[in-house]
């Protein structure tokens, strides 16, 4: 069941979300530590999302440039 839930969500879900999914869909009471241990034994590891890095580009404005007459 753990592998089914892991593959269903394309490896994105970690042990906490898989444990919640097992409880919600399959109505199975299982501890999150057991899910973690079983996932480690099966070699399942969730993909880690990269943190979004906001790139700020300083645009030079025409009104800030001093005009020479």
PDB file of N, CA and C in Angstrom:
ATOM      1  N   UNK A   1       0.818  -1.193   0.000  1.00  0.00           N
ATOM      2  CA  UNK A   1       0.000   0.000   0.000  1.00  0.00           C
ATOM      3  C   UNK A   1       0.866   1.264   0.000  1.00  0.00           C
ATOM      4  N   UNK A   2       1.992   1.202   0.704  1.00  0.00           N
ATOM      5  CA  UNK A   2       2.881   2.367   0.754  1.00  0.00           C
ATOM      6  C   UNK A   2       3.450   2.641  -0.627  1.00  0.00           C
ATOM      7  N   UNK A   3       3.879   1.579  -1.314  1.00  0.00           N
ATOM      8  CA  UNK A   3       4.428   1.760  -2.663  1.00  0.00           C
ATOM      9  C   UNK A   3       3.372   2.275  -3.624  1.00  0.00           C
ATOM     10  N   UNK A   4       2.142   1.808  -3.483  1.00  0.00           N
ATOM     11  CA  UNK A   4       1.053   2.285  -4.339  1.00  0.00           C
ATOM     12  C   UNK A   4       0.840   3.786  -4.159  1.00  0.00           C
ATOM     13  N   UNK A   5       0.783   4.221  -2.909  1.00  0.00           N
ATOM     14  CA  UNK A   5       0.578   5.647  -2.636  1.00  0.00           C
ATOM     15  C   UNK A   5       1.767   6.464  -3.122  1.00  0.00           C
ATOM     16  N   UNK A   6       2.984   5.932  -2.967  1.00  0.00           N
ATOM     17  CA  UNK A   6       4.192   6.640  -3.398  1.00  0.00           C
ATOM     18  C   UNK A   6       4.212   6.790  -4.912  1.00  0.00           C
ATOM     19  N   UNK A   7       3.892   5.719  -5.628  1.00  0.00           N
ATOM     20  CA  UNK A   7       3.898   5.757  -7.091  1.00  0.00           C
ATOM     21  C   UNK A   7       2.728   6.568  -7.635  1.00  0.00           C
ATOM     22  N   UNK A   8       1.606   6.539  -6.939  1.00  0.00           N
ATOM     23  CA  UNK A   8       0.430   7.292  -7.374  1.00  0.00           C
ATOM     24  C   UNK A   8       0.733   8.791  -7.430  1.00  0.00           C
ATOM     25  N   UNK A   9       1.532   9.260  -6.493  1.00  0.00           N
ATOM     26  CA  UNK A   9       1.860  10.684  -6.425  1.00  0.00           C
ATOM     27  C   UNK A   9       3.248  10.985  -6.979  1.00  0.00           C
ATOM     28  N   UNK A  10       3.772  10.063  -7.772  1.00  0.00           N
ATOM     29  CA  UNK A  10       5.017  10.244  -8.535  1.00  0.00           C
ATOM     30  C   UNK A  10       6.216  10.600  -7.658  1.00  0.00           C
ATOM     31  N   UNK A  11       6.269  10.018  -6.464  1.00  0.00           N
ATOM     32  CA  UNK A  11       7.436  10.198  -5.610  1.00  0.00           C
ATOM     33  C   UNK A  11       7.525  11.533  -4.912  1.00  0.00           C
ATOM     34  N   UNK A  12       6.447  12.281  -4.922  1.00  0.00           N
ATOM     35  CA  UNK A  12       6.468  13.601  -4.293  1.00  0.00           C
ATOM     36  C   UNK A  12       6.107  13.505  -2.809  1.00  0.00           C
ATOM     37  N   UNK A  13       5.220  12.581  -2.460  1.00  0.00           N
ATOM     38  CA  UNK A  13       4.769  12.463  -1.080  1.00  0.00           C
ATOM     39  C   UNK A  13       5.848  11.842  -0.206  1.00  0.00           C
ATOM     40  N   UNK A  14       6.031  12.419   0.969  1.00  0.00           N
ATOM     41  CA  UNK A  14       6.926  11.870   1.974  1.00  0.00           C
ATOM     42  C   UNK A  14       6.143  10.990   2.935  1.00  0.00           C
ATOM     43  N   UNK A  15       6.805  10.583   4.016  1.00  0.00           N
ATOM     44  CA  UNK A  15       6.170   9.629   4.925  1.00  0.00           C
ATOM     45  C   UNK A  15       4.960  10.213   5.635  1.00  0.00           C
ATOM     46  N   UNK A  16       4.958  11.505   5.918  1.00  0.00           N
ATOM     47  CA  UNK A  16       3.812  12.092   6.621  1.00  0.00           C
ATOM     48  C   UNK A  16       2.563  12.089   5.746  1.00  0.00           C
ATOM     49  N   UNK A  17       2.718  12.496   4.494  1.00  0.00           N
ATOM     50  CA  UNK A  17       1.558  12.566   3.600  1.00  0.00           C
ATOM     51  C   UNK A  17       1.096  11.169   3.203  1.00  0.00           C
ATOM     52  N   UNK A  18       2.026  10.229   3.074  1.00  0.00           N
ATOM     53  CA  UNK A  18       1.636   8.852   2.765  1.00  0.00           C
ATOM     54  C   UNK A  18       0.870   8.262   3.942  1.00  0.00           C
ATOM     55  N   UNK A  19       1.307   8.548   5.151  1.00  0.00           N
ATOM     56  CA  UNK A  19       0.598   8.054   6.330  1.00  0.00           C
ATOM     57  C   UNK A  19      -0.816   8.624   6.380  1.00  0.00           C
ATOM     58  N   UNK A  20      -0.970   9.892   6.050  1.00  0.00           N
ATOM     59  CA  UNK A  20      -2.299  10.508   6.026  1.00  0.00           C
ATOM     60  C   UNK A  20      -3.154   9.903   4.920  1.00  0.00           C
ATOM     61  N   UNK A  21      -2.538   9.613   3.780  1.00  0.00           N
ATOM     62  CA  UNK A  21      -3.265   8.996   2.665  1.00  0.00           C
ATOM     63  C   UNK A  21      -3.738   7.588   3.027  1.00  0.00           C
ATOM     64  N   UNK A  22      -2.887   6.818   3.687  1.00  0.00           N
ATOM     65  CA  UNK A  22      -3.277   5.469   4.109  1.00  0.00           C
ATOM     66  C   UNK A  22      -4.439   5.528   5.087  1.00  0.00           C
ATOM     67  N   UNK A  23      -4.400   6.498   5.974  1.00  0.00           N
ATOM     68  CA  UNK A  23      -5.474   6.640   6.954  1.00  0.00           C
ATOM     69  C   UNK A  23      -6.775   7.071   6.273  1.00  0.00           C
ATOM     70  N   UNK A  24      -6.665   7.986   5.309  1.00  0.00           N
ATOM     71  CA  UNK A  24      -7.856   8.546   4.671  1.00  0.00           C
ATOM     72  C   UNK A  24      -8.487   7.580   3.672  1.00  0.00           C
ATOM     73  N   UNK A  25      -7.685   7.015   2.780  1.00  0.00           N
ATOM     74  CA  UNK A  25      -8.238   6.212   1.694  1.00  0.00           C
ATOM     75  C   UNK A  25      -8.427   4.746   2.081  1.00  0.00           C
ATOM     76  N   UNK A  26      -7.385   4.149   2.671  1.00  0.00           N
ATOM     77  CA  UNK A  26      -7.449   2.722   2.985  1.00  0.00           C
ATOM     78  C   UNK A  26      -7.977   2.453   4.383  1.00  0.00           C
ATOM     79  N   UNK A  27      -8.216   3.497   5.163  1.00  0.00           N
ATOM     80  CA  UNK A  27      -8.721   3.384   6.530  1.00  0.00           C
ATOM     81  C   UNK A  27      -7.826   2.476   7.374  1.00  0.00           C
ATOM     82  N   UNK A  28      -6.507   2.736   7.281  1.00  0.00           N
ATOM     83  CA  UNK A  28      -5.516   1.943   8.004  1.00  0.00           C
ATOM     84  C   UNK A  28      -4.859   2.831   9.048  1.00  0.00           C
ATOM     85  N   UNK A  29      -4.860   2.392  10.300  1.00  0.00           N
ATOM     86  CA  UNK A  29      -4.173   3.122  11.361  1.00  0.00           C
ATOM     87  C   UNK A  29      -2.735   2.626  11.414  1.00  0.00           C
ATOM     88  N   UNK A  30      -1.800   3.483  11.039  1.00  0.00           N
ATOM     89  CA  UNK A  30      -0.389   3.118  11.051  1.00  0.00           C
ATOM     90  C   UNK A  30       0.409   4.334  11.508  1.00  0.00           C
ATOM     91  N   UNK A  31       1.395   4.089  12.332  1.00  0.00           N
ATOM     92  CA  UNK A  31       2.215   5.162  12.882  1.00  0.00           C
ATOM     93  C   UNK A  31       3.131   5.723  11.806  1.00  0.00           C
ATOM     94  N   UNK A  32       3.398   7.032  11.873  1.00  0.00           N
ATOM     95  CA  UNK A  32       4.255   7.664  10.874  1.00  0.00           C
ATOM     96  C   UNK A  32       5.684   7.132  10.940  1.00  0.00           C
ATOM     97  N   UNK A  33       6.123   6.716  12.140  1.00  0.00           N
ATOM     98  CA  UNK A  33       7.478   6.171  12.271  1.00  0.00           C
ATOM     99  C   UNK A  33       7.602   4.826  11.561  1.00  0.00           C
ATOM    100  N   UNK A  34       6.544   4.048  11.592  1.00  0.00           N
ATOM    101  CA  UNK A  34       6.551   2.767  10.885  1.00  0.00           C
ATOM    102  C   UNK A  34       6.560   2.989   9.377  1.00  0.00           C
ATOM    103  N   UNK A  35       5.777   3.969   8.916  1.00  0.00           N
ATOM    104  CA  UNK A  35       5.763   4.299   7.486  1.00  0.00           C
ATOM    105  C   UNK A  35       7.153   4.747   7.054  1.00  0.00           C
ATOM    106  N   UNK A  36       7.805   5.582   7.858  1.00  0.00           N
ATOM    107  CA  UNK A  36       9.159   6.045   7.557  1.00  0.00           C
ATOM    108  C   UNK A  36      10.124   4.871   7.474  1.00  0.00           C
ATOM    109  N   UNK A  37      10.071   3.975   8.449  1.00  0.00           N
ATOM    110  CA  UNK A  37      10.969   2.817   8.467  1.00  0.00           C
ATOM    111  C   UNK A  37      10.746   1.923   7.255  1.00  0.00           C
ATOM    112  N   UNK A  38       9.490   1.662   6.911  1.00  0.00           N
ATOM    113  CA  UNK A  38       9.188   0.810   5.759  1.00  0.00           C
ATOM    114  C   UNK A  38       9.621   1.468   4.454  1.00  0.00           C
ATOM    115  N   UNK A  39       9.448   2.776   4.361  1.00  0.00           N
ATOM    116  CA  UNK A  39       9.894   3.482   3.157  1.00  0.00           C
ATOM    117  C   UNK A  39      11.410   3.416   3.021  1.00  0.00           C
ATOM    118  N   UNK A  40      12.131   3.540   4.135  1.00  0.00           N
ATOM    119  CA  UNK A  40      13.588   3.439   4.091  1.00  0.00           C
ATOM    120  C   UNK A  40      14.024   2.041   3.676  1.00  0.00           C
ATOM    121  N   UNK A  41      13.327   1.014   4.171  1.00  0.00           N
ATOM    122  CA  UNK A  41      13.654  -0.367   3.802  1.00  0.00           C
ATOM    123  C   UNK A  41      13.394  -0.621   2.321  1.00  0.00           C
ATOM    124  N   UNK A  42      12.367   0.017   1.769  1.00  0.00           N
ATOM    125  CA  UNK A  42      12.044  -0.154   0.345  1.00  0.00           C
ATOM    126  C   UNK A  42      12.864   0.766  -0.549  1.00  0.00           C
ATOM    127  N   UNK A  43      13.591   1.682   0.049  1.00  0.00           N
ATOM    128  CA  UNK A  43      14.409   2.610  -0.728  1.00  0.00           C
ATOM    129  C   UNK A  43      13.608   3.732  -1.366  1.00  0.00           C
ATOM    130  N   UNK A  44      12.475   4.073  -0.765  1.00  0.00           N
ATOM    131  CA  UNK A  44      11.632   5.146  -1.288  1.00  0.00           C
ATOM    132  C   UNK A  44      12.004   6.451  -0.599  1.00  0.00           C
ATOM    133  N   UNK A  45      12.304   7.460  -1.385  1.00  0.00           N
ATOM    134  CA  UNK A  45      12.644   8.766  -0.838  1.00  0.00           C
ATOM    135  C   UNK A  45      11.939   9.826  -1.670  1.00  0.00           C
ATOM    136  N   UNK A  46      11.256  10.726  -0.995  1.00  0.00           N
ATOM    137  CA  UNK A  46      10.480  11.756  -1.684  1.00  0.00           C
ATOM    138  C   UNK A  46      11.402  12.757  -2.362  1.00  0.00           C
ATOM    139  N   UNK A  47      10.928  13.292  -3.483  1.00  0.00           N
ATOM    140  CA  UNK A  47      11.659  14.349  -4.170  1.00  0.00           C
ATOM    141  C   UNK A  47      11.524  15.629  -3.357  1.00  0.00           C
ATOM    142  N   UNK A  48      12.622  16.324  -3.207  1.00  0.00           N
ATOM    143  CA  UNK A  48      12.616  17.556  -2.424  1.00  0.00           C
ATOM    144  C   UNK A  48      12.436  18.730  -3.369  1.00  0.00           C
ATOM    145  N   UNK A  49      11.457  19.573  -3.053  1.00  0.00           N
ATOM    146  CA  UNK A  49      11.218  20.758  -3.868  1.00  0.00           C
ATOM    147  C   UNK A  49      12.311  21.775  -3.621  1.00  0.00           C
ATOM    148  N   UNK A  50      12.725  22.436  -4.676  1.00  0.00           N
ATOM    149  CA  UNK A  50      13.705  23.504  -4.510  1.00  0.00           C
ATOM    150  C   UNK A  50      12.995  24.768  -4.060  1.00  0.00           C
ATOM    151  N   UNK A  51      13.676  25.521  -3.238  1.00  0.00           N
ATOM    152  CA  UNK A  51      13.123  26.772  -2.752  1.00  0.00           C
ATOM    153  C   UNK A  51      13.132  27.781  -3.890  1.00  0.00           C
ATOM    154  N   UNK A  52      12.017  28.485  -4.056  1.00  0.00           N
ATOM    155  CA  UNK A  52      11.917  29.485  -5.106  1.00  0.00           C
ATOM    156  C   UNK A  52      12.787  30.670  -4.729  1.00  0.00           C
ATOM    157  N   UNK A  53      13.622  31.076  -5.643  1.00  0.00           N
ATOM    158  CA  UNK A  53      14.510  32.206  -5.403  1.00  0.00           C
ATOM    159  C   UNK A  53      14.035  33.375  -6.248  1.00  0.00           C
ATOM    160  N   UNK A  54      13.590  34.415  -5.590  1.00  0.00           N
ATOM    161  CA  UNK A  54      13.085  35.590  -6.281  1.00  0.00           C
ATOM    162  C   UNK A  54      14.265  36.419  -6.754  1.00  0.00           C
ATOM    163  N   UNK A  55      14.304  36.669  -8.036  1.00  0.00           N
ATOM    164  CA  UNK A  55      15.370  37.480  -8.605  1.00  0.00           C
ATOM    165  C   UNK A  55      14.855  38.895  -8.809  1.00  0.00           C
ATOM    166  N   UNK A  56      15.507  39.839  -8.202  1.00  0.00           N
ATOM    167  CA  UNK A  56      15.107  41.229  -8.287  1.00  0.00           C
ATOM    168  C   UNK A  56      16.047  41.929  -9.252  1.00  0.00           C
ATOM    169  N   UNK A  57      15.498  42.465 -10.295  1.00  0.00           N
ATOM    170  CA  UNK A  57      16.285  43.193 -11.277  1.00  0.00           C
ATOM    171  C   UNK A  57      16.011  44.682 -11.091  1.00  0.00           C
ATOM    172  N   UNK A  58      17.044  45.408 -10.790  1.00  0.00           N
ATOM    173  CA  UNK A  58      16.910  46.840 -10.568  1.00  0.00           C
ATOM    174  C   UNK A  58      16.866  47.539 -11.926  1.00  0.00           C
ATOM    175  N   UNK A  59      15.726  48.080 -12.247  1.00  0.00           N
ATOM    176  CA  UNK A  59      15.570  48.775 -13.523  1.00  0.00           C
ATOM    177  C   UNK A  59      15.918  50.245 -13.317  1.00  0.00           C
ATOM    178  N   UNK A  60      16.749  50.757 -14.180  1.00  0.00           N
ATOM    179  CA  UNK A  60      17.080  52.176 -14.055  1.00  0.00           C
ATOM    180  C   UNK A  60      15.935  52.990 -14.645  1.00  0.00           C
ATOM    181  N   UNK A  61      15.508  53.958 -13.907  1.00  0.00           N
ATOM    182  CA  UNK A  61      14.393  54.792 -14.344  1.00  0.00           C
ATOM    183  C   UNK A  61      14.927  56.058 -14.989  1.00  0.00           C
ATOM    184  N   UNK A  62      14.190  56.523 -15.978  1.00  0.00           N
ATOM    185  CA  UNK A  62      14.641  57.717 -16.687  1.00  0.00           C
ATOM    186  C   UNK A  62      14.553  58.965 -15.814  1.00  0.00           C
ATOM    187  N   UNK A  63      13.614  59.003 -14.878  1.00  0.00           N
ATOM    188  CA  UNK A  63      13.468  60.186 -14.049  1.00  0.00           C
ATOM    189  C   UNK A  63      14.574  60.290 -12.995  1.00  0.00           C
ATOM    190  N   UNK A  64      15.315  59.241 -12.754  1.00  0.00           N
ATOM    191  CA  UNK A  64      16.394  59.290 -11.771  1.00  0.00           C
ATOM    192  C   UNK A  64      17.715  59.753 -12.392  1.00  0.00           C
ATOM    193  N   UNK A  65      17.796  59.705 -13.683  1.00  0.00           N
ATOM    194  CA  UNK A  65      19.025  60.108 -14.352  1.00  0.00           C
ATOM    195  C   UNK A  65      19.029  61.628 -14.462  1.00  0.00           C
ATOM    196  N   UNK A  66      20.124  62.245 -14.039  1.00  0.00           N
ATOM    197  CA  UNK A  66      20.178  63.708 -14.104  1.00  0.00           C
ATOM    198  C   UNK A  66      20.361  64.148 -15.552  1.00  0.00           C
ATOM    199  N   UNK A  67      19.580  65.106 -15.932  1.00  0.00           N
ATOM    200  CA  UNK A  67      19.633  65.609 -17.307  1.00  0.00           C
ATOM    201  C   UNK A  67      20.574  66.803 -17.368  1.00  0.00           C
ATOM    202  N   UNK A  68      21.385  66.817 -18.370  1.00  0.00           N
ATOM    203  CA  UNK A  68      22.275  67.961 -18.566  1.00  0.00           C
ATOM    204  C   UNK A  68      21.748  68.773 -19.735  1.00  0.00           C
ATOM    205  N   UNK A  69      21.529  70.039 -19.505  1.00  0.00           N
ATOM    206  CA  UNK A  69      20.987  70.920 -20.547  1.00  0.00           C
ATOM    207  C   UNK A  69      22.032  71.853 -21.055  1.00  0.00           C
TER     208      UNK A  69
END
